[in-house]
Amino acid sequence: MELAGVSAIVTGGASGIGAASARLLAGRGAKVVVADLQADKGTALADEIGGAFCKVDVTNTDDIVNAVEMAKSMGPLRVLVNSAGIGWAQRTVGKDGTYESAANLDAYKKVIAINLIGTFDCIRLAATAMSTTEPLEFGERGAIVNVASVAAFDGQIGQAAYSSSKGGVVGMTLPVARDLAAVGVRVNCIAPGLIDTPIYGEGEGSEAFKANLQKGVLFPQRLGRPEELASVVLELVTNSYMNAETIRVDGGIRMPPK
């Protein structure tokens, strides 16, 4: 699928994998809506790539609709990258055996609401807009890429909420791709491993932490770069024969229990 002149939405687009994906899509000619809560970073990136910023909380349907309408005003909406997400770590039961020390259920619900339900809400609304665009060759109207995590498969101790949410994203990929085949929209998913993003912080302590993390990577033994994930996102968008697939991009890591 050619990207020149089309519009794209990247949620979580102000930093990390989302920002790298936005830059690559714009480099191919797409008009990108950077959908994020970080207005300063999002606006700066949008200005850099000739796109637009839209403040979006993916748990707010109205915010998502605003981003879709903004994208439609810039060109036919044919691309959605779902990169918005949060992490959370807590053991399922506490050490003292009390009900109060069990895992925080509200935190679990929040992770599911953002990472899983938010992803689906973005899909259903963006795909609705895509379904009204003129079909390209072979009836193609758009492409969606969801960002999951290797935690969907190798969830570690304390990652019940995060792994549940990302496992749900992986699990929806095939059935949603089957649904959207009727309107010519492809759906794929990437499962990143350990990626060097701002989530790890900055400074000596952060670098020491990342140095320890990367020991588990098979090869190359380092954290991945956002650009290395974004290149796979771009391939899944532009390669019209890629559909209903989940691809690990992780340097061969298989996460241990802890």
Protein backbone atom coordinates (compact mmCIF):
# COMPACT_ATOMS: atom_id res chain seq x y z
CA MET A 1 0.00 0.00 0.00
CA GLU A 2 1.35 3.37 -1.01
CA LEU A 3 1.29 6.02 1.73
CA ALA A 4 1.67 9.25 -0.21
CA GLY A 5 -1.35 11.45 0.44
CA VAL A 6 -3.07 9.19 2.96
CA SER A 7 -3.62 9.99 6.61
CA ALA A 8 -2.52 7.87 9.56
CA ILE A 9 -3.17 7.83 13.31
CA VAL A 10 -0.48 6.75 15.75
CA THR A 11 -1.64 6.44 19.36
CA GLY A 12 1.09 6.85 21.93
CA GLY A 13 2.78 8.68 19.09
CA ALA A 14 4.67 11.31 21.11
CA SER A 15 7.51 9.02 22.23
CA GLY A 16 9.18 5.64 21.90
CA ILE A 17 7.93 3.17 19.30
CA GLY A 18 4.99 5.41 18.44
CA ALA A 19 7.18 8.41 17.64
CA ALA A 20 9.57 6.31 15.57
CA SER A 21 6.62 4.86 13.64
CA ALA A 22 5.15 8.32 13.05
CA ARG A 23 8.44 9.51 11.60
CA LEU A 24 8.74 6.56 9.21
CA LEU A 25 5.14 6.85 8.04
CA ALA A 26 5.57 10.57 7.43
CA GLY A 27 8.79 9.85 5.56
CA ARG A 28 6.75 7.75 3.13
CA GLY A 29 4.33 10.61 2.55
CA ALA A 30 1.58 9.97 5.08
CA LYS A 31 -0.05 12.81 7.01
CA VAL A 32 0.21 11.60 10.59
CA VAL A 33 -2.00 12.43 13.53
CA VAL A 34 0.11 12.07 16.67
CA ALA A 35 -2.47 10.95 19.22
CA ASP A 36 -1.15 11.19 22.77
CA LEU A 37 -1.63 12.79 26.16
CA GLN A 38 1.80 14.50 26.05
CA ALA A 39 0.90 17.76 24.35
CA ASP A 40 4.39 19.29 24.38
CA LYS A 41 6.19 16.30 22.87
CA GLY A 42 3.30 15.45 20.57
CA THR A 43 3.04 18.96 19.15
CA ALA A 44 6.79 19.17 18.62
CA LEU A 45 6.83 15.86 16.76
CA ALA A 46 3.81 16.77 14.66
CA ASP A 47 5.50 20.02 13.64
CA GLU A 48 8.70 18.12 12.82
CA ILE A 49 6.98 15.62 10.49
CA GLY A 50 4.34 17.89 8.98
CA GLY A 51 1.48 16.19 10.79
CA ALA A 52 -0.94 17.23 13.52
CA PHE A 53 -1.26 16.60 17.23
CA CYS A 54 -4.49 15.45 18.86
CA LYS A 55 -4.75 15.04 22.60
CA VAL A 56 -6.12 11.55 23.09
CA ASP A 57 -6.87 9.43 26.11
CA VAL A 58 -7.60 6.03 24.56
CA THR A 59 -10.11 5.30 27.33
CA ASN A 60 -12.19 8.24 26.08
CA THR A 61 -14.20 7.40 22.96
CA ASP A 62 -14.81 11.07 22.14
CA ASP A 63 -11.05 11.69 22.06
CA ILE A 64 -10.60 8.85 19.59
CA VAL A 65 -13.39 10.16 17.37
CA ASN A 66 -11.68 13.57 17.37
CA ALA A 67 -8.43 11.99 16.17
CA VAL A 68 -10.26 10.07 13.44
CA GLU A 69 -12.03 13.19 12.23
CA MET A 70 -8.76 15.13 12.27
CA ALA A 71 -7.10 12.43 10.19
CA LYS A 72 -9.98 12.39 7.69
CA SER A 73 -9.57 16.13 7.21
CA MET A 74 -5.93 15.56 6.17
CA GLY A 75 -6.53 12.78 3.66
CA PRO A 76 -8.20 9.37 3.37
CA LEU A 77 -7.59 7.49 6.62
CA ARG A 78 -5.83 4.24 5.77
CA VAL A 79 -3.42 3.60 8.68
CA LEU A 80 -3.79 3.08 12.42
CA VAL A 81 -0.91 2.18 14.73
CA ASN A 82 -1.98 1.34 18.27
CA SER A 83 1.06 2.11 20.41
CA ALA A 84 -0.49 3.69 23.50
CA GLY A 85 -0.05 1.65 26.64
CA ILE A 86 1.06 1.50 30.25
CA GLY A 87 2.79 -1.04 32.47
CA TRP A 88 2.11 -2.28 35.98
CA ALA A 89 3.80 -4.85 38.19
CA GLN A 90 2.42 -6.43 41.37
CA ARG A 91 2.23 -9.95 42.72
CA THR A 92 -1.19 -11.53 42.80
CA VAL A 93 -1.19 -12.11 46.57
CA GLY A 94 0.61 -10.24 49.33
CA LYS A 95 2.99 -11.61 51.95
CA ASP A 96 0.74 -11.27 54.99
CA GLY A 97 -2.18 -13.39 53.80
CA THR A 98 -4.76 -10.61 54.09
CA TYR A 99 -7.30 -9.81 51.40
CA GLU A 100 -6.20 -6.18 51.52
CA SER A 101 -2.67 -7.09 50.42
CA ALA A 102 -3.85 -8.95 47.33
CA ALA A 103 -3.18 -7.36 43.94
CA ASN A 104 -4.83 -3.98 43.36
CA LEU A 105 -7.91 -4.75 41.28
CA ASP A 106 -8.38 -1.14 40.20
CA ALA A 107 -4.84 -1.08 38.84
CA TYR A 108 -5.54 -4.29 36.94
CA LYS A 109 -8.71 -2.79 35.45
CA LYS A 110 -6.85 0.38 34.45
CA VAL A 111 -4.18 -1.55 32.54
CA ILE A 112 -6.86 -3.55 30.74
CA ALA A 113 -8.85 -0.39 30.00
CA ILE A 114 -5.90 1.38 28.37
CA ASN A 115 -3.94 -1.42 26.73
CA LEU A 116 -6.73 -3.71 25.60
CA ILE A 117 -10.08 -1.93 25.54
CA GLY A 118 -8.47 1.29 24.33
CA THR A 119 -6.83 -0.59 21.47
CA PHE A 120 -10.13 -2.15 20.42
CA ASP A 121 -11.98 1.17 20.65
CA CYS A 122 -9.40 2.76 18.35
CA ILE A 123 -9.71 -0.15 15.93
CA ARG A 124 -13.49 -0.12 15.72
CA LEU A 125 -13.68 3.63 15.14
CA ALA A 126 -10.73 4.01 12.76
CA ALA A 127 -11.81 0.94 10.78
CA THR A 128 -15.29 2.42 10.47
CA ALA A 129 -13.77 5.49 8.82
CA MET A 130 -11.51 3.32 6.65
CA SER A 131 -14.52 1.34 5.45
CA THR A 132 -15.88 4.45 3.73
CA THR A 133 -12.71 5.22 1.74
CA GLU A 134 -12.28 4.37 -1.91
CA PRO A 135 -10.79 0.88 -2.29
CA LEU A 136 -7.31 0.49 -3.71
CA GLU A 137 -6.08 -2.40 -5.84
CA PHE A 138 -7.59 -5.74 -4.75
CA GLY A 139 -10.09 -3.87 -2.58
CA GLU A 140 -7.63 -2.71 0.08
CA ARG A 141 -8.80 0.20 2.19
CA GLY A 142 -6.43 0.30 5.14
CA ALA A 143 -4.02 -1.36 7.54
CA ILE A 144 -3.91 -1.55 11.32
CA VAL A 145 -0.90 -2.47 13.45
CA ASN A 146 -1.29 -3.24 17.14
CA VAL A 147 1.68 -3.09 19.50
CA ALA A 148 1.61 -5.92 22.03
CA SER A 149 4.63 -7.28 23.92
CA VAL A 150 6.58 -10.49 24.43
CA ALA A 151 4.92 -10.38 27.86
CA ALA A 152 1.87 -11.73 26.05
CA PHE A 153 3.78 -15.02 25.82
CA ASP A 154 6.53 -14.81 28.48
CA GLY A 155 4.87 -12.84 31.26
CA GLN A 156 7.04 -12.52 34.33
CA ILE A 157 6.18 -12.62 38.03
CA GLY A 158 4.07 -9.57 38.82
CA GLN A 159 3.01 -9.01 35.21
CA ALA A 160 -0.48 -10.47 35.40
CA ALA A 161 -2.21 -7.23 34.41
CA TYR A 162 0.23 -6.24 31.68
CA SER A 163 0.46 -9.74 30.22
CA SER A 164 -3.32 -10.11 30.28
CA SER A 165 -3.73 -6.87 28.35
CA LYS A 166 -1.08 -7.68 25.76
CA GLY A 167 -2.23 -11.27 25.45
CA GLY A 168 -5.66 -9.87 24.65
CA VAL A 169 -4.18 -7.67 21.93
CA VAL A 170 -2.50 -10.70 20.37
CA GLY A 171 -5.68 -12.72 20.75
CA MET A 172 -7.87 -10.16 18.98
CA THR A 173 -5.57 -9.89 15.95
CA LEU A 174 -6.91 -12.88 14.00
CA PRO A 175 -10.64 -12.48 14.71
CA VAL A 176 -10.56 -8.74 14.04
CA ALA A 177 -8.59 -9.32 10.83
CA ARG A 178 -11.28 -11.79 9.82
CA ASP A 179 -14.00 -9.24 10.64
CA LEU A 180 -12.34 -6.43 8.73
CA ALA A 181 -11.51 -8.49 5.65
CA ALA A 182 -15.07 -7.71 4.58
CA VAL A 183 -14.15 -4.03 4.24
CA GLY A 184 -10.61 -4.47 2.95
CA VAL A 185 -8.71 -3.58 6.13
CA ARG A 186 -5.73 -5.67 7.26
CA VAL A 187 -4.79 -6.18 10.92
CA ASN A 188 -1.37 -7.23 12.21
CA CYS A 189 0.44 -7.13 15.52
CA ILE A 190 4.03 -6.76 16.72
CA ALA A 191 5.30 -8.05 20.05
CA PRO A 192 8.35 -6.03 21.08
CA GLY A 193 10.96 -7.36 23.47
CA LEU A 194 13.11 -5.06 25.58
CA ILE A 195 13.16 -1.72 23.79
CA ASP A 196 15.24 1.29 24.82
CA THR A 197 12.51 3.85 25.45
CA PRO A 198 12.00 6.57 28.10
CA ILE A 199 10.17 4.03 30.28
CA TYR A 200 13.54 3.11 31.84
CA GLY A 201 14.41 6.68 32.85
CA GLU A 202 17.79 8.40 32.50
CA GLY A 203 21.12 8.56 34.30
CA GLU A 204 23.65 6.09 35.69
CA GLY A 205 21.08 4.03 37.57
CA SER A 206 18.97 3.67 34.46
CA GLU A 207 21.94 2.61 32.34
CA ALA A 208 22.97 0.00 34.92
CA PHE A 209 19.42 -1.36 34.99
CA LYS A 210 19.30 -1.63 31.20
CA ALA A 211 22.73 -3.29 31.11
CA ASN A 212 21.39 -6.00 33.41
CA LEU A 213 18.20 -6.43 31.39
CA GLN A 214 19.97 -6.95 28.10
CA LYS A 215 21.88 -9.98 29.38
CA GLY A 216 18.85 -12.09 28.54
CA VAL A 217 18.75 -11.06 24.90
CA LEU A 218 20.04 -13.83 22.62
CA PHE A 219 21.63 -11.68 19.91
CA PRO A 220 22.45 -8.88 19.50
CA GLN A 221 22.85 -8.59 23.25
CA ARG A 222 21.41 -5.12 23.72
CA LEU A 223 18.06 -3.43 24.02
CA GLY A 224 16.18 -2.85 20.81
CA ARG A 225 15.85 0.60 19.29
CA PRO A 226 12.45 2.16 18.60
CA GLU A 227 13.45 2.53 14.94
CA GLU A 228 13.92 -1.25 14.67
CA LEU A 229 10.33 -1.77 15.77
CA ALA A 230 9.07 1.03 13.56
CA SER A 231 10.59 -0.56 10.47
CA VAL A 232 8.46 -3.66 11.10
CA VAL A 233 5.40 -1.46 11.62
CA LEU A 234 6.08 0.15 8.25
CA GLU A 235 6.44 -3.24 6.57
CA LEU A 236 3.15 -4.45 8.03
CA VAL A 237 1.44 -1.30 6.76
CA THR A 238 2.90 -1.26 3.25
CA ASN A 239 3.09 -4.99 2.49
CA SER A 240 -0.43 -5.73 1.33
CA TYR A 241 -0.05 -9.50 1.75
CA MET A 242 0.69 -9.27 5.47
CA ASN A 243 -2.47 -9.96 7.42
CA ALA A 244 -3.62 -11.52 10.72
CA GLU A 245 -0.05 -12.04 11.93
CA THR A 246 1.80 -11.39 15.20
CA ILE A 247 5.56 -10.90 14.90
CA ARG A 248 7.99 -10.91 17.81
CA VAL A 249 10.74 -8.29 17.47
CA ASP A 250 12.92 -9.16 20.44
CA GLY A 251 16.47 -10.23 19.60
CA GLY A 252 15.50 -13.81 20.42
CA ILE A 253 14.79 -13.18 24.11
CA ARG A 254 12.59 -15.57 26.09
CA MET A 255 11.75 -13.89 29.36
CA PRO A 256 12.54 -15.86 32.57
CA PRO A 257 10.04 -15.95 35.44
CA LYS A 258 11.75 -12.96 37.06
